[in-house]
Amino acid sequence: MKILSAEFVKSCEQPDQFPKDRLPAVAFIGRSNVGKSSLINSLLRRKGLARVSRTPGKTQMINVFLVTTDDPKVRRFYAVDLPGYGYAKVAKTVRAGWQPMIESYLTGSEGLRGVMLLVDSRGTERQDAEAVGWLGRSGLPMLLVATKSDKLSRSERAASLSALRDVFDLSEDTDVVAYSSVTHEGRDELWQAIRKMVMSDA
């Protein structure tokens, strides 16, 4: 699959700002500073498309990117970068507003076809388990992505993926992929998952 274009469309705060054209969409969610923006840039092969920062909480709105490919089954879709949950260096009132904004998108977007849930391959926190549970109850297709895998050895990565399955009590049909935005490990697996999620509507 070749990416023909990837462009920023808009930032959203309210449901009435979400795209209305019903193009299929895939959302990226995870703890603050887990590497969502870096992963999106790596996945779409575009440096600087999604803004990256070492400061947790840089993404404060729902950012929508339009992706066009040469795959007739996945011609166009939205990649949606959601604010990170958990710790972030922003005002508490701002952080408190993220949860309803995130949930309103996940429950109210007509085009949403699946969710990439990002967790740190080196360790998880309570909010990660809560996110897994919420998504499980929502019925949305989910792929668990273990980020920053380049910081682990090959054996450590295998152990990490196994531990994530145990910690989150994942069903056998829920895939777990190790990803590195540095080496791009896992990029092909993510594209396969995205294609499966959106191809019926592309």
C-alpha atoms as a PDB file:
ATOM      1  CA  MET A   1       0.000   0.000   0.000  1.00  0.00           C
ATOM      2  CA  LYS A   2       1.349   3.409  -0.999  1.00  0.00           C
ATOM      3  CA  ILE A   3       0.310   6.578   0.848  1.00  0.00           C
ATOM      4  CA  LEU A   4      -0.583   9.194  -1.751  1.00  0.00           C
ATOM      5  CA  SER A   5      -1.263  11.976   0.730  1.00  0.00           C
ATOM      6  CA  ALA A   6      -1.721  12.616   4.449  1.00  0.00           C
ATOM      7  CA  GLU A   7      -2.950  16.000   5.571  1.00  0.00           C
ATOM      8  CA  PHE A   8      -4.263  17.734   8.655  1.00  0.00           C
ATOM      9  CA  VAL A   9      -7.983  18.490   8.357  1.00  0.00           C
ATOM     10  CA  LYS A  10      -9.131  20.055  11.610  1.00  0.00           C
ATOM     11  CA  SER A  11      -9.053  20.074  15.399  1.00  0.00           C
ATOM     12  CA  CYS A  12     -12.314  19.332  17.222  1.00  0.00           C
ATOM     13  CA  GLU A  13     -13.683  19.935  20.696  1.00  0.00           C
ATOM     14  CA  GLN A  14     -17.414  19.317  20.222  1.00  0.00           C
ATOM     15  CA  PRO A  15     -19.415  16.561  18.448  1.00  0.00           C
ATOM     16  CA  ASP A  16     -20.794  19.065  15.940  1.00  0.00           C
ATOM     17  CA  GLN A  17     -17.221  19.619  14.750  1.00  0.00           C
ATOM     18  CA  PHE A  18     -16.563  15.956  13.934  1.00  0.00           C
ATOM     19  CA  PRO A  19     -16.376  15.103  10.198  1.00  0.00           C
ATOM     20  CA  LYS A  20     -19.844  14.497   8.758  1.00  0.00           C
ATOM     21  CA  ASP A  21     -18.978  12.803   5.467  1.00  0.00           C
ATOM     22  CA  ARG A  22     -18.935   9.304   7.037  1.00  0.00           C
ATOM     23  CA  LEU A  23     -15.542   8.375   5.676  1.00  0.00           C
ATOM     24  CA  PRO A  24     -14.167   5.481   7.747  1.00  0.00           C
ATOM     25  CA  ALA A  25     -11.946   6.555  10.633  1.00  0.00           C
ATOM     26  CA  VAL A  26      -9.423   4.924  12.945  1.00  0.00           C
ATOM     27  CA  ALA A  27      -8.734   6.541  16.323  1.00  0.00           C
ATOM     28  CA  PHE A  28      -5.449   6.533  18.243  1.00  0.00           C
ATOM     29  CA  ILE A  29      -5.710   6.715  22.018  1.00  0.00           C
ATOM     30  CA  GLY A  30      -3.329   6.203  24.924  1.00  0.00           C
ATOM     31  CA  ARG A  31      -1.753   7.646  28.023  1.00  0.00           C
ATOM     32  CA  SER A  32      -0.180  11.103  27.812  1.00  0.00           C
ATOM     33  CA  ASN A  33       3.333  10.880  26.351  1.00  0.00           C
ATOM     34  CA  VAL A  34       2.911   7.259  25.222  1.00  0.00           C
ATOM     35  CA  GLY A  35       3.957   8.255  21.710  1.00  0.00           C
ATOM     36  CA  LYS A  36       0.723   8.705  19.741  1.00  0.00           C
ATOM     37  CA  SER A  37       1.919  11.603  17.614  1.00  0.00           C
ATOM     38  CA  SER A  38       5.272   9.939  16.900  1.00  0.00           C
ATOM     39  CA  LEU A  39       3.503   6.735  15.892  1.00  0.00           C
ATOM     40  CA  ILE A  40       1.119   8.583  13.562  1.00  0.00           C
ATOM     41  CA  ASN A  41       4.058  10.336  11.868  1.00  0.00           C
ATOM     42  CA  SER A  42       5.885   7.007  11.514  1.00  0.00           C
ATOM     43  CA  LEU A  43       2.817   5.155  10.275  1.00  0.00           C
ATOM     44  CA  LEU A  44       1.969   7.797   7.668  1.00  0.00           C
ATOM     45  CA  ARG A  45       5.634   8.384   6.739  1.00  0.00           C
ATOM     46  CA  ARG A  46       5.286  12.115   7.344  1.00  0.00           C
ATOM     47  CA  LYS A  47       7.678  13.946   9.657  1.00  0.00           C
ATOM     48  CA  GLY A  48       5.983  16.638  11.684  1.00  0.00           C
ATOM     49  CA  LEU A  49       2.414  15.892  10.541  1.00  0.00           C
ATOM     50  CA  ALA A  50       1.286  15.295  14.123  1.00  0.00           C
ATOM     51  CA  ARG A  51       2.984  17.610  16.603  1.00  0.00           C
ATOM     52  CA  VAL A  52       5.406  15.809  18.919  1.00  0.00           C
ATOM     53  CA  SER A  53       6.471  17.016  22.358  1.00  0.00           C
ATOM     54  CA  ARG A  54       8.286  15.608  25.358  1.00  0.00           C
ATOM     55  CA  THR A  55       5.765  17.411  27.536  1.00  0.00           C
ATOM     56  CA  PRO A  56       2.771  15.194  28.436  1.00  0.00           C
ATOM     57  CA  GLY A  57      -0.512  16.674  27.275  1.00  0.00           C
ATOM     58  CA  LYS A  58       0.627  18.407  24.080  1.00  0.00           C
ATOM     59  CA  THR A  59      -2.412  17.084  22.194  1.00  0.00           C
ATOM     60  CA  GLN A  60      -5.354  18.908  23.772  1.00  0.00           C
ATOM     61  CA  MET A  61      -7.969  18.552  21.047  1.00  0.00           C
ATOM     62  CA  ILE A  62      -9.145  15.824  18.702  1.00  0.00           C
ATOM     63  CA  ASN A  63      -6.928  16.162  15.633  1.00  0.00           C
ATOM     64  CA  VAL A  64      -8.199  14.728  12.358  1.00  0.00           C
ATOM     65  CA  PHE A  65      -5.934  13.734   9.446  1.00  0.00           C
ATOM     66  CA  LEU A  66      -7.137  12.632   6.012  1.00  0.00           C
ATOM     67  CA  VAL A  67      -5.155   9.768   4.485  1.00  0.00           C
ATOM     68  CA  THR A  68      -5.345   8.788   0.808  1.00  0.00           C
ATOM     69  CA  THR A  69      -3.746   5.569  -0.457  1.00  0.00           C
ATOM     70  CA  ASP A  70      -3.441   3.665  -3.723  1.00  0.00           C
ATOM     71  CA  ASP A  71      -5.278   0.663  -2.243  1.00  0.00           C
ATOM     72  CA  PRO A  72      -8.738   0.422  -3.872  1.00  0.00           C
ATOM     73  CA  LYS A  73     -10.071  -1.150  -0.670  1.00  0.00           C
ATOM     74  CA  VAL A  74      -8.731   1.632   1.560  1.00  0.00           C
ATOM     75  CA  ARG A  75      -8.857   4.639  -0.725  1.00  0.00           C
ATOM     76  CA  ARG A  76      -9.453   7.318   1.927  1.00  0.00           C
ATOM     77  CA  PHE A  77      -9.891   7.314   5.697  1.00  0.00           C
ATOM     78  CA  TYR A  78      -9.371   9.525   8.714  1.00  0.00           C
ATOM     79  CA  ALA A  79      -6.602   8.965  11.254  1.00  0.00           C
ATOM     80  CA  VAL A  80      -7.783  10.610  14.474  1.00  0.00           C
ATOM     81  CA  ASP A  81      -5.363  11.602  17.250  1.00  0.00           C
ATOM     82  CA  LEU A  82      -7.157  11.832  20.616  1.00  0.00           C
ATOM     83  CA  PRO A  83      -5.837  13.654  23.722  1.00  0.00           C
ATOM     84  CA  GLY A  84      -3.854  11.450  26.088  1.00  0.00           C
ATOM     85  CA  TYR A  85      -5.391  10.298  29.331  1.00  0.00           C
ATOM     86  CA  GLY A  86      -3.633  10.237  32.706  1.00  0.00           C
ATOM     87  CA  TYR A  87      -0.935  12.666  33.802  1.00  0.00           C
ATOM     88  CA  ALA A  88      -0.425  15.765  31.712  1.00  0.00           C
ATOM     89  CA  LYS A  89       1.169  19.155  32.307  1.00  0.00           C
ATOM     90  CA  VAL A  90      -2.007  21.158  31.807  1.00  0.00           C
ATOM     91  CA  ALA A  91      -4.587  22.736  34.101  1.00  0.00           C
ATOM     92  CA  LYS A  92      -6.848  20.262  35.904  1.00  0.00           C
ATOM     93  CA  THR A  93      -9.915  21.892  34.380  1.00  0.00           C
ATOM     94  CA  VAL A  94      -8.513  21.300  30.891  1.00  0.00           C
ATOM     95  CA  ARG A  95      -7.602  17.703  31.666  1.00  0.00           C
ATOM     96  CA  ALA A  96     -11.037  17.064  33.181  1.00  0.00           C
ATOM     97  CA  GLY A  97     -12.642  18.122  29.909  1.00  0.00           C
ATOM     98  CA  TRP A  98     -10.735  15.560  27.876  1.00  0.00           C
ATOM     99  CA  GLN A  99     -12.622  12.477  29.069  1.00  0.00           C
ATOM    100  CA  PRO A 100     -16.091  13.589  27.928  1.00  0.00           C
ATOM    101  CA  MET A 101     -14.565  14.909  24.685  1.00  0.00           C
ATOM    102  CA  ILE A 102     -12.853  11.566  24.018  1.00  0.00           C
ATOM    103  CA  GLU A 103     -15.921   9.529  24.947  1.00  0.00           C
ATOM    104  CA  SER A 104     -18.195  11.718  22.823  1.00  0.00           C
ATOM    105  CA  TYR A 105     -15.997  10.985  19.811  1.00  0.00           C
ATOM    106  CA  LEU A 106     -15.694   7.260  20.482  1.00  0.00           C
ATOM    107  CA  THR A 107     -19.449   6.881  20.959  1.00  0.00           C
ATOM    108  CA  GLY A 108     -20.742   9.527  18.569  1.00  0.00           C
ATOM    109  CA  SER A 109     -18.599   9.383  15.436  1.00  0.00           C
ATOM    110  CA  GLU A 110     -20.560   7.640  12.684  1.00  0.00           C
ATOM    111  CA  GLY A 111     -17.436   6.845  10.690  1.00  0.00           C
ATOM    112  CA  LEU A 112     -15.323   5.323  13.466  1.00  0.00           C
ATOM    113  CA  ARG A 113     -14.335   1.768  12.540  1.00  0.00           C
ATOM    114  CA  GLY A 114     -11.716   0.868  15.147  1.00  0.00           C
ATOM    115  CA  VAL A 115      -9.310   2.027  17.819  1.00  0.00           C
ATOM    116  CA  MET A 116      -5.557   1.708  18.194  1.00  0.00           C
ATOM    117  CA  LEU A 117      -4.949   1.679  21.957  1.00  0.00           C
ATOM    118  CA  LEU A 118      -1.337   2.602  22.687  1.00  0.00           C
ATOM    119  CA  VAL A 119       0.411   1.488  25.882  1.00  0.00           C
ATOM    120  CA  ASP A 120       4.067   1.743  26.880  1.00  0.00           C
ATOM    121  CA  SER A 121       5.785  -1.597  26.258  1.00  0.00           C
ATOM    122  CA  ARG A 122       7.889  -1.039  29.402  1.00  0.00           C
ATOM    123  CA  GLY A 123       4.950  -0.871  31.792  1.00  0.00           C
ATOM    124  CA  THR A 124       1.282   0.041  32.162  1.00  0.00           C
ATOM    125  CA  GLU A 125      -0.781   2.067  34.604  1.00  0.00           C
ATOM    126  CA  ARG A 126      -4.304   1.933  36.028  1.00  0.00           C
ATOM    127  CA  GLN A 127      -5.687   4.216  33.317  1.00  0.00           C
ATOM    128  CA  ASP A 128      -4.550   1.759  30.641  1.00  0.00           C
ATOM    129  CA  ALA A 129      -6.595  -1.038  32.198  1.00  0.00           C
ATOM    130  CA  GLU A 130      -9.587   1.297  32.467  1.00  0.00           C
ATOM    131  CA  ALA A 131      -9.266   2.177  28.773  1.00  0.00           C
ATOM    132  CA  VAL A 132      -9.067  -1.495  27.776  1.00  0.00           C
ATOM    133  CA  GLY A 133     -12.160  -2.253  29.845  1.00  0.00           C
ATOM    134  CA  TRP A 134     -14.123   0.687  28.455  1.00  0.00           C
ATOM    135  CA  LEU A 135     -13.275  -0.173  24.861  1.00  0.00           C
ATOM    136  CA  GLY A 136     -14.138  -3.810  25.490  1.00  0.00           C
ATOM    137  CA  ARG A 137     -17.586  -2.820  26.701  1.00  0.00           C
ATOM    138  CA  SER A 138     -18.066  -0.405  23.793  1.00  0.00           C
ATOM    139  CA  GLY A 139     -17.765  -3.184  21.240  1.00  0.00           C
ATOM    140  CA  LEU A 140     -15.380  -1.157  19.063  1.00  0.00           C
ATOM    141  CA  PRO A 141     -12.703  -3.199  17.258  1.00  0.00           C
ATOM    142  CA  MET A 142      -9.415  -2.622  19.079  1.00  0.00           C
ATOM    143  CA  LEU A 143      -5.749  -3.258  18.440  1.00  0.00           C
ATOM    144  CA  LEU A 144      -3.384  -2.986  21.414  1.00  0.00           C
ATOM    145  CA  VAL A 145      -0.115  -1.329  20.388  1.00  0.00           C
ATOM    146  CA  ALA A 146       2.948  -1.601  22.655  1.00  0.00           C
ATOM    147  CA  THR A 147       4.971   1.530  21.874  1.00  0.00           C
ATOM    148  CA  LYS A 148       8.681   2.312  22.304  1.00  0.00           C
ATOM    149  CA  SER A 149       9.598  -1.322  21.621  1.00  0.00           C
ATOM    150  CA  ASP A 150      13.072  -0.255  20.461  1.00  0.00           C
ATOM    151  CA  LYS A 151      13.915   0.361  24.119  1.00  0.00           C
ATOM    152  CA  LEU A 152      13.557  -3.370  24.833  1.00  0.00           C
ATOM    153  CA  SER A 153      15.605  -6.361  23.679  1.00  0.00           C
ATOM    154  CA  ARG A 154      13.958  -8.985  21.469  1.00  0.00           C
ATOM    155  CA  SER A 155      13.350 -11.296  24.415  1.00  0.00           C
ATOM    156  CA  GLU A 156      12.049  -8.414  26.526  1.00  0.00           C
ATOM    157  CA  ARG A 157       9.590  -7.456  23.766  1.00  0.00           C
ATOM    158  CA  ALA A 158       8.210 -10.987  23.620  1.00  0.00           C
ATOM    159  CA  ALA A 159       7.826 -11.050  27.390  1.00  0.00           C
ATOM    160  CA  SER A 160       6.156  -7.623  27.326  1.00  0.00           C
ATOM    161  CA  LEU A 161       3.526  -8.677  24.783  1.00  0.00           C
ATOM    162  CA  SER A 162       2.751 -11.822  26.765  1.00  0.00           C
ATOM    163  CA  ALA A 163       2.473  -9.816  29.989  1.00  0.00           C
ATOM    164  CA  LEU A 164       0.083  -7.328  28.376  1.00  0.00           C
ATOM    165  CA  ARG A 165      -2.251 -10.133  27.377  1.00  0.00           C
ATOM    166  CA  ASP A 166      -2.248 -11.423  30.950  1.00  0.00           C
ATOM    167  CA  VAL A 167      -2.596  -8.020  32.638  1.00  0.00           C
ATOM    168  CA  PHE A 168      -5.525  -6.951  30.479  1.00  0.00           C
ATOM    169  CA  ASP A 169      -7.039 -10.454  30.181  1.00  0.00           C
ATOM    170  CA  LEU A 170      -7.309 -10.035  26.420  1.00  0.00           C
ATOM    171  CA  SER A 171      -9.345 -12.402  24.300  1.00  0.00           C
ATOM    172  CA  GLU A 172      -7.564 -14.482  21.679  1.00  0.00           C
ATOM    173  CA  ASP A 173      -9.046 -12.398  18.855  1.00  0.00           C
ATOM    174  CA  THR A 174      -7.500  -9.156  20.201  1.00  0.00           C
ATOM    175  CA  ASP A 175      -4.148  -8.572  18.530  1.00  0.00           C
ATOM    176  CA  VAL A 176      -1.141  -7.031  20.296  1.00  0.00           C
ATOM    177  CA  VAL A 177       1.586  -5.405  18.192  1.00  0.00           C
ATOM    178  CA  ALA A 178       4.995  -4.085  19.269  1.00  0.00           C
ATOM    179  CA  TYR A 179       5.769  -0.743  17.633  1.00  0.00           C
ATOM    180  CA  SER A 180       8.783   1.533  17.413  1.00  0.00           C
ATOM    181  CA  SER A 181       8.528   5.007  15.914  1.00  0.00           C
ATOM    182  CA  VAL A 182      12.335   4.944  15.657  1.00  0.00           C
ATOM    183  CA  THR A 183      12.823   1.697  13.715  1.00  0.00           C
ATOM    184  CA  HIS A 184       9.228   1.490  12.394  1.00  0.00           C
ATOM    185  CA  GLU A 185       8.870  -2.058  13.714  1.00  0.00           C
ATOM    186  CA  GLY A 186       5.201  -3.007  13.605  1.00  0.00           C
ATOM    187  CA  ARG A 187       4.234  -0.608  10.798  1.00  0.00           C
ATOM    188  CA  ASP A 188       3.161  -3.366   8.403  1.00  0.00           C
ATOM    189  CA  GLU A 189       1.068  -5.042  11.120  1.00  0.00           C
ATOM    190  CA  LEU A 190      -0.707  -1.767  11.905  1.00  0.00           C
ATOM    191  CA  TRP A 191      -1.505  -1.182   8.247  1.00  0.00           C
ATOM    192  CA  GLN A 192      -2.948  -4.688   7.998  1.00  0.00           C
ATOM    193  CA  ALA A 193      -5.165  -3.968  11.007  1.00  0.00           C
ATOM    194  CA  ILE A 194      -6.278  -0.612   9.605  1.00  0.00           C
ATOM    195  CA  ARG A 195      -7.094  -2.188   6.251  1.00  0.00           C
ATOM    196  CA  LYS A 196      -9.210  -4.834   7.966  1.00  0.00           C
ATOM    197  CA  MET A 197     -11.078  -2.185   9.971  1.00  0.00           C
ATOM    198  CA  VAL A 198     -11.900   0.217   7.157  1.00  0.00           C
ATOM    199  CA  MET A 199     -11.950  -1.776   3.895  1.00  0.00           C
ATOM    200  CA  SER A 200     -15.643  -2.622   4.047  1.00  0.00           C
ATOM    201  CA  ASP A 201     -16.465   1.093   3.945  1.00  0.00           C
ATOM    202  CA  ALA A 202     -13.659   2.443   1.757  1.00  0.00           C
END
